[in-house]
C-alpha atoms as a PDB file:
ATOM      1  CA  UNK A   1      -0.945 -12.650   3.033  1.00  0.00           C
ATOM      2  CA  UNK A   2      -2.151  -9.085   3.684  1.00  0.00           C
ATOM      3  CA  UNK A   3      -2.589  -8.567   7.418  1.00  0.00           C
ATOM      4  CA  UNK A   4      -3.624  -4.928   7.672  1.00  0.00           C
ATOM      5  CA  UNK A   5      -4.380  -1.780   5.659  1.00  0.00           C
ATOM      6  CA  UNK A   6      -4.458   1.967   6.206  1.00  0.00           C
ATOM      7  CA  UNK A   7      -5.888   4.742   3.978  1.00  0.00           C
ATOM      8  CA  UNK A   8      -3.835   7.965   3.934  1.00  0.00           C
ATOM      9  CA  UNK A   9      -3.271  11.028   1.764  1.00  0.00           C
ATOM     10  CA  UNK A  10      -1.233  10.146  -1.306  1.00  0.00           C
ATOM     11  CA  UNK A  11       1.279  12.939  -0.705  1.00  0.00           C
ATOM     12  CA  UNK A  12       2.068  11.776   2.837  1.00  0.00           C
ATOM     13  CA  UNK A  13       2.359   7.990   2.582  1.00  0.00           C
ATOM     14  CA  UNK A  14       6.169   7.964   2.816  1.00  0.00           C
ATOM     15  CA  UNK A  15       5.912   9.149   6.418  1.00  0.00           C
ATOM     16  CA  UNK A  16       3.382   6.437   7.330  1.00  0.00           C
ATOM     17  CA  UNK A  17       5.546   3.386   6.594  1.00  0.00           C
ATOM     18  CA  UNK A  18       7.371   2.247   9.786  1.00  0.00           C
ATOM     19  CA  UNK A  19      10.492   0.951   8.050  1.00  0.00           C
ATOM     20  CA  UNK A  20      13.293  -0.353  10.268  1.00  0.00           C
ATOM     21  CA  UNK A  21      16.626   1.468  10.120  1.00  0.00           C
ATOM     22  CA  UNK A  22      18.122  -1.966   9.358  1.00  0.00           C
ATOM     23  CA  UNK A  23      16.239  -1.859   6.061  1.00  0.00           C
ATOM     24  CA  UNK A  24      17.170   1.705   5.165  1.00  0.00           C
ATOM     25  CA  UNK A  25      15.231   4.934   5.078  1.00  0.00           C
ATOM     26  CA  UNK A  26      12.708   6.517   2.729  1.00  0.00           C
ATOM     27  CA  UNK A  27      11.970  10.217   2.449  1.00  0.00           C
ATOM     28  CA  UNK A  28      10.666  12.762  -0.015  1.00  0.00           C
ATOM     29  CA  UNK A  29      12.931  14.131  -2.745  1.00  0.00           C
ATOM     30  CA  UNK A  30      12.386  17.681  -1.471  1.00  0.00           C
ATOM     31  CA  UNK A  31      13.411  16.788   2.077  1.00  0.00           C
ATOM     32  CA  UNK A  32      16.566  14.943   1.002  1.00  0.00           C
ATOM     33  CA  UNK A  33      17.728  17.677  -1.386  1.00  0.00           C
ATOM     34  CA  UNK A  34      16.320  20.517   0.752  1.00  0.00           C
ATOM     35  CA  UNK A  35      14.193  21.818  -2.110  1.00  0.00           C
ATOM     36  CA  UNK A  36      11.376  24.283  -1.570  1.00  0.00           C
ATOM     37  CA  UNK A  37       9.847  23.991  -5.051  1.00  0.00           C
ATOM     38  CA  UNK A  38       7.443  21.079  -5.323  1.00  0.00           C
ATOM     39  CA  UNK A  39       7.692  18.557  -8.135  1.00  0.00           C
ATOM     40  CA  UNK A  40       4.546  17.828 -10.174  1.00  0.00           C
ATOM     41  CA  UNK A  41       4.241  14.502  -8.331  1.00  0.00           C
ATOM     42  CA  UNK A  42       5.809  13.456  -5.040  1.00  0.00           C
ATOM     43  CA  UNK A  43       9.250  11.960  -5.673  1.00  0.00           C
ATOM     44  CA  UNK A  44      11.121   9.813  -3.167  1.00  0.00           C
ATOM     45  CA  UNK A  45      14.648   8.876  -2.136  1.00  0.00           C
ATOM     46  CA  UNK A  46      15.800   5.557  -0.666  1.00  0.00           C
ATOM     47  CA  UNK A  47      18.930   5.515   1.535  1.00  0.00           C
ATOM     48  CA  UNK A  48      20.430   2.154   2.491  1.00  0.00           C
ATOM     49  CA  UNK A  49      20.941   0.989   6.076  1.00  0.00           C
ATOM     50  CA  UNK A  50      24.603   2.072   6.090  1.00  0.00           C
ATOM     51  CA  UNK A  51      23.753   5.566   4.879  1.00  0.00           C
ATOM     52  CA  UNK A  52      26.338   5.370   2.112  1.00  0.00           C
ATOM     53  CA  UNK A  53      24.100   4.871  -0.954  1.00  0.00           C
ATOM     54  CA  UNK A  54      20.965   6.644  -2.107  1.00  0.00           C
ATOM     55  CA  UNK A  55      18.632   5.885  -5.010  1.00  0.00           C
ATOM     56  CA  UNK A  56      16.171   8.368  -6.421  1.00  0.00           C
ATOM     57  CA  UNK A  57      14.289   9.338  -9.570  1.00  0.00           C
ATOM     58  CA  UNK A  58      14.853  12.733 -11.154  1.00  0.00           C
ATOM     59  CA  UNK A  59      11.778  14.327 -12.699  1.00  0.00           C
ATOM     60  CA  UNK A  60      12.234  15.136 -16.396  1.00  0.00           C
ATOM     61  CA  UNK A  61       9.044  16.046 -18.241  1.00  0.00           C
ATOM     62  CA  UNK A  62      10.876  16.116 -21.591  1.00  0.00           C
ATOM     63  CA  UNK A  63      13.040  12.977 -21.645  1.00  0.00           C
ATOM     64  CA  UNK A  64      11.252  11.041 -18.934  1.00  0.00           C
ATOM     65  CA  UNK A  65      12.262  10.298 -15.337  1.00  0.00           C
ATOM     66  CA  UNK A  66      15.550   8.470 -14.791  1.00  0.00           C
ATOM     67  CA  UNK A  67      16.847   6.576 -11.776  1.00  0.00           C
ATOM     68  CA  UNK A  68      20.102   7.743 -10.209  1.00  0.00           C
ATOM     69  CA  UNK A  69      22.432   6.610  -7.455  1.00  0.00           C
ATOM     70  CA  UNK A  70      24.523   8.660  -5.046  1.00  0.00           C
ATOM     71  CA  UNK A  71      27.501   7.414  -2.993  1.00  0.00           C
ATOM     72  CA  UNK A  72      28.587   8.966   0.304  1.00  0.00           C
ATOM     73  CA  UNK A  73      32.220  10.069   0.115  1.00  0.00           C
ATOM     74  CA  UNK A  74      32.865  10.536   3.812  1.00  0.00           C
ATOM     75  CA  UNK A  75      31.850  14.183   4.105  1.00  0.00           C
ATOM     76  CA  UNK A  76      29.327  14.678   1.319  1.00  0.00           C
ATOM     77  CA  UNK A  77      27.415  12.901  -1.411  1.00  0.00           C
ATOM     78  CA  UNK A  78      29.311  12.347  -4.649  1.00  0.00           C
ATOM     79  CA  UNK A  79      28.111  13.077  -8.159  1.00  0.00           C
ATOM     80  CA  UNK A  80      25.048  11.227  -9.289  1.00  0.00           C
ATOM     81  CA  UNK A  81      25.386   8.218 -11.576  1.00  0.00           C
ATOM     82  CA  UNK A  82      22.582   6.949 -13.787  1.00  0.00           C
ATOM     83  CA  UNK A  83      21.256   3.498 -12.882  1.00  0.00           C
ATOM     84  CA  UNK A  84      22.089   1.413 -15.938  1.00  0.00           C
ATOM     85  CA  UNK A  85      19.830  -1.304 -17.323  1.00  0.00           C
ATOM     86  CA  UNK A  86      16.494   0.480 -17.015  1.00  0.00           C
ATOM     87  CA  UNK A  87      15.714   1.675 -20.523  1.00  0.00           C
ATOM     88  CA  UNK A  88      13.271   4.117 -22.065  1.00  0.00           C
ATOM     89  CA  UNK A  89      10.469   1.519 -22.073  1.00  0.00           C
ATOM     90  CA  UNK A  90       9.767   2.621 -18.493  1.00  0.00           C
ATOM     91  CA  UNK A  91       8.053   5.976 -18.052  1.00  0.00           C
ATOM     92  CA  UNK A  92       7.555   8.236 -15.022  1.00  0.00           C
ATOM     93  CA  UNK A  93       9.898   6.105 -12.895  1.00  0.00           C
ATOM     94  CA  UNK A  94       9.610   6.772  -9.171  1.00  0.00           C
ATOM     95  CA  UNK A  95       9.713   5.334  -5.630  1.00  0.00           C
ATOM     96  CA  UNK A  96      12.865   3.147  -5.643  1.00  0.00           C
ATOM     97  CA  UNK A  97      13.516   0.668  -2.846  1.00  0.00           C
ATOM     98  CA  UNK A  98      16.486  -1.694  -2.435  1.00  0.00           C
ATOM     99  CA  UNK A  99      16.409  -4.861  -0.346  1.00  0.00           C
ATOM    100  CA  UNK A 100      19.041  -5.344   2.345  1.00  0.00           C
ATOM    101  CA  UNK A 101      20.975  -7.630  -0.040  1.00  0.00           C
ATOM    102  CA  UNK A 102      21.977  -4.420  -1.849  1.00  0.00           C
ATOM    103  CA  UNK A 103      21.229  -5.795  -5.322  1.00  0.00           C
ATOM    104  CA  UNK A 104      17.444  -6.257  -5.534  1.00  0.00           C
ATOM    105  CA  UNK A 105      15.701  -3.100  -6.684  1.00  0.00           C
ATOM    106  CA  UNK A 106      11.989  -2.288  -6.741  1.00  0.00           C
ATOM    107  CA  UNK A 107      10.545   0.785  -8.415  1.00  0.00           C
ATOM    108  CA  UNK A 108       7.279   2.088  -9.814  1.00  0.00           C
ATOM    109  CA  UNK A 109       6.745   3.074 -13.430  1.00  0.00           C
ATOM    110  CA  UNK A 110       4.442   3.052 -16.400  1.00  0.00           C
ATOM    111  CA  UNK A 111       5.543   0.886 -19.290  1.00  0.00           C
ATOM    112  CA  UNK A 112       4.698  -1.556 -22.061  1.00  0.00           C
ATOM    113  CA  UNK A 113       4.356  -4.386 -19.537  1.00  0.00           C
ATOM    114  CA  UNK A 114       2.180  -2.428 -17.120  1.00  0.00           C
ATOM    115  CA  UNK A 115      -1.123  -3.923 -16.030  1.00  0.00           C
ATOM    116  CA  UNK A 116      -2.513  -0.406 -15.731  1.00  0.00           C
ATOM    117  CA  UNK A 117      -1.307   2.960 -14.456  1.00  0.00           C
ATOM    118  CA  UNK A 118       1.816   2.716 -12.298  1.00  0.00           C
ATOM    119  CA  UNK A 119       3.077  -0.819 -11.668  1.00  0.00           C
ATOM    120  CA  UNK A 120       5.754  -2.269  -9.397  1.00  0.00           C
ATOM    121  CA  UNK A 121       8.820  -3.605 -11.224  1.00  0.00           C
ATOM    122  CA  UNK A 122      11.784  -5.514  -9.830  1.00  0.00           C
ATOM    123  CA  UNK A 123      15.311  -6.229 -11.016  1.00  0.00           C
ATOM    124  CA  UNK A 124      18.690  -7.347  -9.657  1.00  0.00           C
ATOM    125  CA  UNK A 125      22.173  -5.959 -10.173  1.00  0.00           C
ATOM    126  CA  UNK A 126      24.657  -7.837 -12.361  1.00  0.00           C
ATOM    127  CA  UNK A 127      28.100  -7.094 -10.913  1.00  0.00           C
ATOM    128  CA  UNK A 128      29.862  -8.447 -14.014  1.00  0.00           C
ATOM    129  CA  UNK A 129      28.248  -5.969 -16.407  1.00  0.00           C
ATOM    130  CA  UNK A 130      27.745  -3.189 -13.872  1.00  0.00           C
ATOM    131  CA  UNK A 131      24.091  -2.983 -14.910  1.00  0.00           C
ATOM    132  CA  UNK A 132      20.742  -4.141 -13.651  1.00  0.00           C
ATOM    133  CA  UNK A 133      19.007  -6.968 -15.467  1.00  0.00           C
ATOM    134  CA  UNK A 134      15.889  -6.154 -17.477  1.00  0.00           C
ATOM    135  CA  UNK A 135      13.191  -5.250 -14.917  1.00  0.00           C
ATOM    136  CA  UNK A 136      10.191  -7.544 -14.605  1.00  0.00           C
ATOM    137  CA  UNK A 137       6.626  -6.703 -13.656  1.00  0.00           C
ATOM    138  CA  UNK A 138       6.104  -7.942 -10.078  1.00  0.00           C
ATOM    139  CA  UNK A 139       2.668  -9.268 -11.017  1.00  0.00           C
ATOM    140  CA  UNK A 140      -0.577  -9.797  -9.122  1.00  0.00           C
ATOM    141  CA  UNK A 141      -1.660  -9.029  -6.457  1.00  0.00           C
ATOM    142  CA  UNK A 142       1.000  -6.336  -6.066  1.00  0.00           C
ATOM    143  CA  UNK A 143      -0.027  -4.761  -9.368  1.00  0.00           C
ATOM    144  CA  UNK A 144      -3.498  -3.909 -10.576  1.00  0.00           C
ATOM    145  CA  UNK A 145      -5.327  -1.827 -13.171  1.00  0.00           C
ATOM    146  CA  UNK A 146      -5.060   1.105 -10.723  1.00  0.00           C
ATOM    147  CA  UNK A 147      -1.839   2.899  -9.699  1.00  0.00           C
ATOM    148  CA  UNK A 148       0.528   0.825  -7.567  1.00  0.00           C
ATOM    149  CA  UNK A 149       3.135   3.270  -6.328  1.00  0.00           C
ATOM    150  CA  UNK A 150       5.490   1.687  -3.848  1.00  0.00           C
ATOM    151  CA  UNK A 151       6.651  -1.634  -2.465  1.00  0.00           C
ATOM    152  CA  UNK A 152       9.058  -2.118   0.431  1.00  0.00           C
ATOM    153  CA  UNK A 153      10.098  -5.264   2.275  1.00  0.00           C
ATOM    154  CA  UNK A 154      11.673  -5.144   5.717  1.00  0.00           C
ATOM    155  CA  UNK A 155      13.689  -8.355   5.779  1.00  0.00           C
ATOM    156  CA  UNK A 156      14.652  -7.794   9.412  1.00  0.00           C
ATOM    157  CA  UNK A 157      11.047  -8.376  10.528  1.00  0.00           C
ATOM    158  CA  UNK A 158       9.865 -10.165   7.361  1.00  0.00           C
ATOM    159  CA  UNK A 159       7.104  -7.655   6.778  1.00  0.00           C
ATOM    160  CA  UNK A 160       6.242  -5.588   3.705  1.00  0.00           C
ATOM    161  CA  UNK A 161       4.164  -2.637   2.537  1.00  0.00           C
ATOM    162  CA  UNK A 162       2.364  -2.024  -0.741  1.00  0.00           C
ATOM    163  CA  UNK A 163       0.978   1.421  -1.572  1.00  0.00           C
ATOM    164  CA  UNK A 164      -1.852   1.557  -4.117  1.00  0.00           C
ATOM    165  CA  UNK A 165      -4.786   3.776  -5.019  1.00  0.00           C
ATOM    166  CA  UNK A 166      -7.002   0.847  -6.027  1.00  0.00           C
ATOM    167  CA  UNK A 167     -10.577   1.360  -4.801  1.00  0.00           C
ATOM    168  CA  UNK A 168      -9.625   4.761  -3.358  1.00  0.00           C
ATOM    169  CA  UNK A 169     -10.960   8.285  -4.019  1.00  0.00           C
ATOM    170  CA  UNK A 170      -8.785  10.893  -5.708  1.00  0.00           C
ATOM    171  CA  UNK A 171      -5.831  11.944  -3.566  1.00  0.00           C
ATOM    172  CA  UNK A 172      -5.950   8.884  -1.301  1.00  0.00           C
ATOM    173  CA  UNK A 173      -3.916   5.663  -1.234  1.00  0.00           C
ATOM    174  CA  UNK A 174      -4.092   2.484   0.789  1.00  0.00           C
ATOM    175  CA  UNK A 175      -1.004   1.123   2.550  1.00  0.00           C
ATOM    176  CA  UNK A 176      -1.341  -2.666   2.642  1.00  0.00           C
ATOM    177  CA  UNK A 177       0.832  -4.441   5.216  1.00  0.00           C
ATOM    178  CA  UNK A 178       1.758  -7.961   4.118  1.00  0.00           C
ATOM    179  CA  UNK A 179       3.911 -10.917   5.064  1.00  0.00           C
ATOM    180  CA  UNK A 180       6.237 -11.776   2.158  1.00  0.00           C
ATOM    181  CA  UNK A 181       6.003 -15.433   1.131  1.00  0.00           C
ATOM    182  CA  UNK A 182       9.184 -17.497   1.369  1.00  0.00           C
ATOM    183  CA  UNK A 183       8.572 -18.457  -2.252  1.00  0.00           C
ATOM    184  CA  UNK A 184       6.451 -16.588  -4.794  1.00  0.00           C
ATOM    185  CA  UNK A 185       3.531 -18.932  -5.362  1.00  0.00           C
ATOM    186  CA  UNK A 186       1.134 -19.003  -8.304  1.00  0.00           C
ATOM    187  CA  UNK A 187      -2.554 -18.851  -7.450  1.00  0.00           C
ATOM    188  CA  UNK A 188      -3.066 -21.491 -10.159  1.00  0.00           C
ATOM    189  CA  UNK A 189      -1.617 -24.082  -7.781  1.00  0.00           C
ATOM    190  CA  UNK A 190      -4.646 -23.572  -5.526  1.00  0.00           C
ATOM    191  CA  UNK A 191      -7.101 -24.496  -8.307  1.00  0.00           C
ATOM    192  CA  UNK A 192      -8.997 -21.218  -7.948  1.00  0.00           C
ATOM    193  CA  UNK A 193     -11.835 -20.100 -10.203  1.00  0.00           C
ATOM    194  CA  UNK A 194     -11.444 -17.075 -12.470  1.00  0.00           C
ATOM    195  CA  UNK A 195     -13.635 -14.978 -10.152  1.00  0.00           C
ATOM    196  CA  UNK A 196     -11.545 -16.015  -7.135  1.00  0.00           C
ATOM    197  CA  UNK A 197      -8.328 -15.170  -8.984  1.00  0.00           C
ATOM    198  CA  UNK A 198      -9.696 -11.729  -9.849  1.00  0.00           C
ATOM    199  CA  UNK A 199     -10.761 -11.154  -6.244  1.00  0.00           C
ATOM    200  CA  UNK A 200      -7.325 -12.041  -4.843  1.00  0.00           C
ATOM    201  CA  UNK A 201      -5.497 -10.102  -7.559  1.00  0.00           C
ATOM    202  CA  UNK A 202      -7.458  -6.934  -6.782  1.00  0.00           C
ATOM    203  CA  UNK A 203      -7.217  -7.428  -2.980  1.00  0.00           C
ATOM    204  CA  UNK A 204     -10.969  -6.912  -2.727  1.00  0.00           C
ATOM    205  CA  UNK A 205     -10.760  -8.119   0.877  1.00  0.00           C
ATOM    206  CA  UNK A 206      -7.551  -8.621   2.850  1.00  0.00           C
ATOM    207  CA  UNK A 207      -9.460 -11.127   4.998  1.00  0.00           C
ATOM    208  CA  UNK A 208      -9.645 -13.424   1.968  1.00  0.00           C
ATOM    209  CA  UNK A 209      -5.838 -13.704   2.003  1.00  0.00           C
ATOM    210  CA  UNK A 210      -5.561 -14.816   5.634  1.00  0.00           C
ATOM    211  CA  UNK A 211      -5.948 -18.451   4.586  1.00  0.00           C
ATOM    212  CA  UNK A 212      -2.474 -18.184   3.017  1.00  0.00           C
ATOM    213  CA  UNK A 213      -0.703 -17.623   6.332  1.00  0.00           C
ATOM    214  CA  UNK A 214      -0.945 -16.985  10.054  1.00  0.00           C
ATOM    215  CA  UNK A 215      -2.410 -13.486  10.480  1.00  0.00           C
ATOM    216  CA  UNK A 216      -2.000 -13.469  14.269  1.00  0.00           C
ATOM    217  CA  UNK A 217       1.699 -14.163  13.837  1.00  0.00           C
ATOM    218  CA  UNK A 218       1.913 -11.406  11.227  1.00  0.00           C
ATOM    219  CA  UNK A 219       0.211  -8.879  13.476  1.00  0.00           C
ATOM    220  CA  UNK A 220       2.622  -9.854  16.258  1.00  0.00           C
ATOM    221  CA  UNK A 221       5.544  -9.073  13.949  1.00  0.00           C
ATOM    222  CA  UNK A 222       4.036  -5.679  13.222  1.00  0.00           C
ATOM    223  CA  UNK A 223       3.473  -5.021  16.939  1.00  0.00           C
ATOM    224  CA  UNK A 224       7.082  -5.996  17.724  1.00  0.00           C
ATOM    225  CA  UNK A 225       8.346  -3.625  15.044  1.00  0.00           C
ATOM    226  CA  UNK A 226       6.256  -0.715  16.332  1.00  0.00           C
ATOM    227  CA  UNK A 227       7.288  -1.438  19.912  1.00  0.00           C
ATOM    228  CA  UNK A 228      10.995  -1.344  19.082  1.00  0.00           C
ATOM    229  CA  UNK A 229      10.593   1.877  17.154  1.00  0.00           C
ATOM    230  CA  UNK A 230       8.658   3.502  19.971  1.00  0.00           C
ATOM    231  CA  UNK A 231      11.303   2.408  22.474  1.00  0.00           C
ATOM    232  CA  UNK A 232      14.079   3.851  20.301  1.00  0.00           C
ATOM    233  CA  UNK A 233      12.405   7.229  19.971  1.00  0.00           C
ATOM    234  CA  UNK A 234      13.895   9.657  22.491  1.00  0.00           C
ATOM    235  CA  UNK A 235      11.013  12.053  21.848  1.00  0.00           C
ATOM    236  CA  UNK A 236       8.347   9.547  22.894  1.00  0.00           C
ATOM    237  CA  UNK A 237       6.727  10.976  26.023  1.00  0.00           C
ATOM    238  CA  UNK A 238       3.254  10.464  27.467  1.00  0.00           C
ATOM    239  CA  UNK A 239       1.359  10.291  30.751  1.00  0.00           C
ATOM    240  CA  UNK A 240      -0.402   7.057  31.693  1.00  0.00           C
ATOM    241  CA  UNK A 241      -1.726   6.810  35.260  1.00  0.00           C
ATOM    242  CA  UNK A 242      -1.011   3.442  36.906  1.00  0.00           C
ATOM    243  CA  UNK A 243      -2.182   4.307  40.424  1.00  0.00           C
ATOM    244  CA  UNK A 244      -2.393   7.280  42.799  1.00  0.00           C
ATOM    245  CA  UNK A 245       1.379   7.310  43.261  1.00  0.00           C
ATOM    246  CA  UNK A 246       2.679   6.243  39.865  1.00  0.00           C
ATOM    247  CA  UNK A 247       2.467   7.700  36.339  1.00  0.00           C
ATOM    248  CA  UNK A 248       4.318   6.215  33.352  1.00  0.00           C
ATOM    249  CA  UNK A 249       5.938   8.534  30.811  1.00  0.00           C
ATOM    250  CA  UNK A 250       7.951   6.145  28.624  1.00  0.00           C
ATOM    251  CA  UNK A 251       7.251   2.852  26.912  1.00  0.00           C
ATOM    252  CA  UNK A 252      10.052   1.085  28.778  1.00  0.00           C
ATOM    253  CA  UNK A 253       8.308   1.936  32.092  1.00  0.00           C
ATOM    254  CA  UNK A 254       5.903  -0.941  31.479  1.00  0.00           C
ATOM    255  CA  UNK A 255       6.994  -4.091  33.266  1.00  0.00           C
ATOM    256  CA  UNK A 256       5.877  -6.586  30.632  1.00  0.00           C
ATOM    257  CA  UNK A 257       6.175  -6.877  26.876  1.00  0.00           C
ATOM    258  CA  UNK A 258       2.473  -7.710  26.617  1.00  0.00           C
ATOM    259  CA  UNK A 259       1.527  -4.472  28.362  1.00  0.00           C
ATOM    260  CA  UNK A 260       3.811  -2.428  26.116  1.00  0.00           C
ATOM    261  CA  UNK A 261       2.076  -3.896  23.084  1.00  0.00           C
ATOM    262  CA  UNK A 262      -1.326  -3.323  24.667  1.00  0.00           C
ATOM    263  CA  UNK A 263      -0.394   0.322  25.242  1.00  0.00           C
ATOM    264  CA  UNK A 264       0.566   0.758  21.580  1.00  0.00           C
ATOM    265  CA  UNK A 265      -2.793  -0.749  20.649  1.00  0.00           C
ATOM    266  CA  UNK A 266      -4.462   1.600  23.160  1.00  0.00           C
ATOM    267  CA  UNK A 267      -2.847   4.616  21.480  1.00  0.00           C
ATOM    268  CA  UNK A 268      -3.985   3.373  18.080  1.00  0.00           C
ATOM    269  CA  UNK A 269      -7.537   2.960  19.357  1.00  0.00           C
ATOM    270  CA  UNK A 270      -7.538   6.512  20.726  1.00  0.00           C
ATOM    271  CA  UNK A 271      -6.294   7.890  17.399  1.00  0.00           C
ATOM    272  CA  UNK A 272      -9.035   5.994  15.568  1.00  0.00           C
ATOM    273  CA  UNK A 273     -11.628   7.309  18.035  1.00  0.00           C
ATOM    274  CA  UNK A 274     -10.516  10.909  17.441  1.00  0.00           C
ATOM    275  CA  UNK A 275     -10.773  10.375  13.692  1.00  0.00           C
ATOM    276  CA  UNK A 276     -14.271   8.892  13.952  1.00  0.00           C
ATOM    277  CA  UNK A 277     -15.421  11.744  16.195  1.00  0.00           C
ATOM    278  CA  UNK A 278     -14.136  14.296  13.664  1.00  0.00           C
ATOM    279  CA  UNK A 279     -16.070  12.506  10.916  1.00  0.00           C
ATOM    280  CA  UNK A 280     -19.177  12.455  13.105  1.00  0.00           C
ATOM    281  CA  UNK A 281     -18.905  16.181  13.872  1.00  0.00           C
ATOM    282  CA  UNK A 282     -18.679  16.965  10.145  1.00  0.00           C
ATOM    283  CA  UNK A 283     -21.733  14.830   9.412  1.00  0.00           C
ATOM    284  CA  UNK A 284     -23.717  16.644  12.103  1.00  0.00           C
ATOM    285  CA  UNK A 285     -22.649  20.076  10.847  1.00  0.00           C
ATOM    286  CA  UNK A 286     -23.640  19.242   7.264  1.00  0.00           C
ATOM    287  CA  UNK A 287     -26.959  17.692   8.275  1.00  0.00           C
ATOM    288  CA  UNK A 288     -29.001  20.926   8.408  1.00  0.00           C
ATOM    289  CA  UNK A 289     -28.004  21.947   4.881  1.00  0.00           C
ATOM    290  CA  UNK A 290     -29.279  18.701   3.337  1.00  0.00           C
ATOM    291  CA  UNK A 291     -32.563  18.058   1.576  1.00  0.00           C
ATOM    292  CA  UNK A 292     -35.281  16.006   3.259  1.00  0.00           C
ATOM    293  CA  UNK A 293     -34.399  12.921   1.223  1.00  0.00           C
ATOM    294  CA  UNK A 294     -30.688  13.262   1.976  1.00  0.00           C
ATOM    295  CA  UNK A 295     -31.371  13.776   5.679  1.00  0.00           C
ATOM    296  CA  UNK A 296     -33.088  10.397   5.946  1.00  0.00           C
ATOM    297  CA  UNK A 297     -30.007   8.567   4.676  1.00  0.00           C
ATOM    298  CA  UNK A 298     -27.479  10.701   6.560  1.00  0.00           C
ATOM    299  CA  UNK A 299     -29.493  10.329   9.759  1.00  0.00           C
ATOM    300  CA  UNK A 300     -29.038   6.555   9.538  1.00  0.00           C
ATOM    301  CA  UNK A 301     -25.321   7.024   8.818  1.00  0.00           C
ATOM    302  CA  UNK A 302     -24.966   9.284  11.858  1.00  0.00           C
ATOM    303  CA  UNK A 303     -26.690   6.761  14.125  1.00  0.00           C
ATOM    304  CA  UNK A 304     -24.422   3.964  12.840  1.00  0.00           C
ATOM    305  CA  UNK A 305     -21.347   6.144  13.324  1.00  0.00           C
ATOM    306  CA  UNK A 306     -22.440   7.027  16.866  1.00  0.00           C
ATOM    307  CA  UNK A 307     -22.831   3.340  17.684  1.00  0.00           C
ATOM    308  CA  UNK A 308     -19.374   2.608  16.243  1.00  0.00           C
ATOM    309  CA  UNK A 309     -17.717   5.344  18.290  1.00  0.00           C
ATOM    310  CA  UNK A 310     -19.529   4.258  21.449  1.00  0.00           C
ATOM    311  CA  UNK A 311     -18.342   0.676  20.986  1.00  0.00           C
ATOM    312  CA  UNK A 312     -14.816   1.894  20.306  1.00  0.00           C
ATOM    313  CA  UNK A 313     -14.858   4.074  23.427  1.00  0.00           C
ATOM    314  CA  UNK A 314     -15.909   1.051  25.492  1.00  0.00           C
ATOM    315  CA  UNK A 315     -13.028  -0.921  23.970  1.00  0.00           C
ATOM    316  CA  UNK A 316     -10.587   1.885  24.818  1.00  0.00           C
ATOM    317  CA  UNK A 317     -11.823   1.979  28.411  1.00  0.00           C
ATOM    318  CA  UNK A 318     -11.466  -1.796  28.759  1.00  0.00           C
ATOM    319  CA  UNK A 319      -7.974  -1.767  27.229  1.00  0.00           C
ATOM    320  CA  UNK A 320      -6.859   1.011  29.582  1.00  0.00           C
ATOM    321  CA  UNK A 321      -8.287  -0.828  32.598  1.00  0.00           C
ATOM    322  CA  UNK A 322      -6.649  -4.111  31.542  1.00  0.00           C
ATOM    323  CA  UNK A 323      -3.215  -2.490  31.187  1.00  0.00           C
ATOM    324  CA  UNK A 324      -3.492  -0.678  34.518  1.00  0.00           C
ATOM    325  CA  UNK A 325      -4.643  -3.777  36.425  1.00  0.00           C
ATOM    326  CA  UNK A 326      -1.900  -5.908  34.901  1.00  0.00           C
ATOM    327  CA  UNK A 327       0.815  -3.395  35.776  1.00  0.00           C
ATOM    328  CA  UNK A 328      -0.412  -3.052  39.353  1.00  0.00           C
ATOM    329  CA  UNK A 329      -0.358  -6.828  39.769  1.00  0.00           C
ATOM    330  CA  UNK A 330       3.253  -6.911  38.577  1.00  0.00           C
ATOM    331  CA  UNK A 331       4.174  -4.046  40.915  1.00  0.00           C
ATOM    332  CA  UNK A 332       2.572  -5.698  43.946  1.00  0.00           C
ATOM    333  CA  UNK A 333       4.135  -9.113  43.480  1.00  0.00           C
END
């Protein structure tokens, strides 16, 4: 079940995934290795939750990208070792991620078994042979005919993220937030038509997947995760007026969990409002340079956008008022 989605620039998606420290850390290749020269495509590094193992792909335009592992030796990283078991059938390997079990590996690549473009593959480590088993395509709906770059699962909160450029313009990707099923289930068991299968496989609408789980529960998991991360951040500082004598500056100032979550939602609403206003300003600036025919269409778009932003502003005002009233009631008990 896909509970949420967010469109971002392709070259910045690693910084937009709120992965728990308990599930490791992801960062760009250049940041990890302190490289100034950019690679032809963004490469990533995964570091496990203990900080003693790192997986990454090394760009090689001649022989093809290879996956490597580093081990922390107490004071520095040791020499790289090639990840065995992933053969030359996989091209342009990138974006590794290891589950908290330490043996289940996900990565993105192009290969003979690809549905199209980059696909997500998964494999597990065989301790007897010291190699990974032959990687398998992770299948629909995680793969598509577009490029599917990255998959991560936070087992601590039972929440996952899929990054894909399906249905996106050049340079953009969509981060789909999903709840991993306890068991991988075939859509065939639901007696779906071919058109329905295609729709689910392509994630044409995340709302169509809500029947496969409890979305409200999933969104609560996401809110809990974001709340913990905000509380852990020592740099998190803001000003939220409660009354004439009291202003909150930290998330833990709120007296109830519900209000903390409402405040995170409030911040998200404000960010969305700023984005919509920027889009509206651009539309207004471009309006005068358009032809008469184009102006008619854009004029309608501007009116619709203005109505959207006005509704959102009303929602923001109501959310702010609700938080403030609730906190004052708790204070005056």
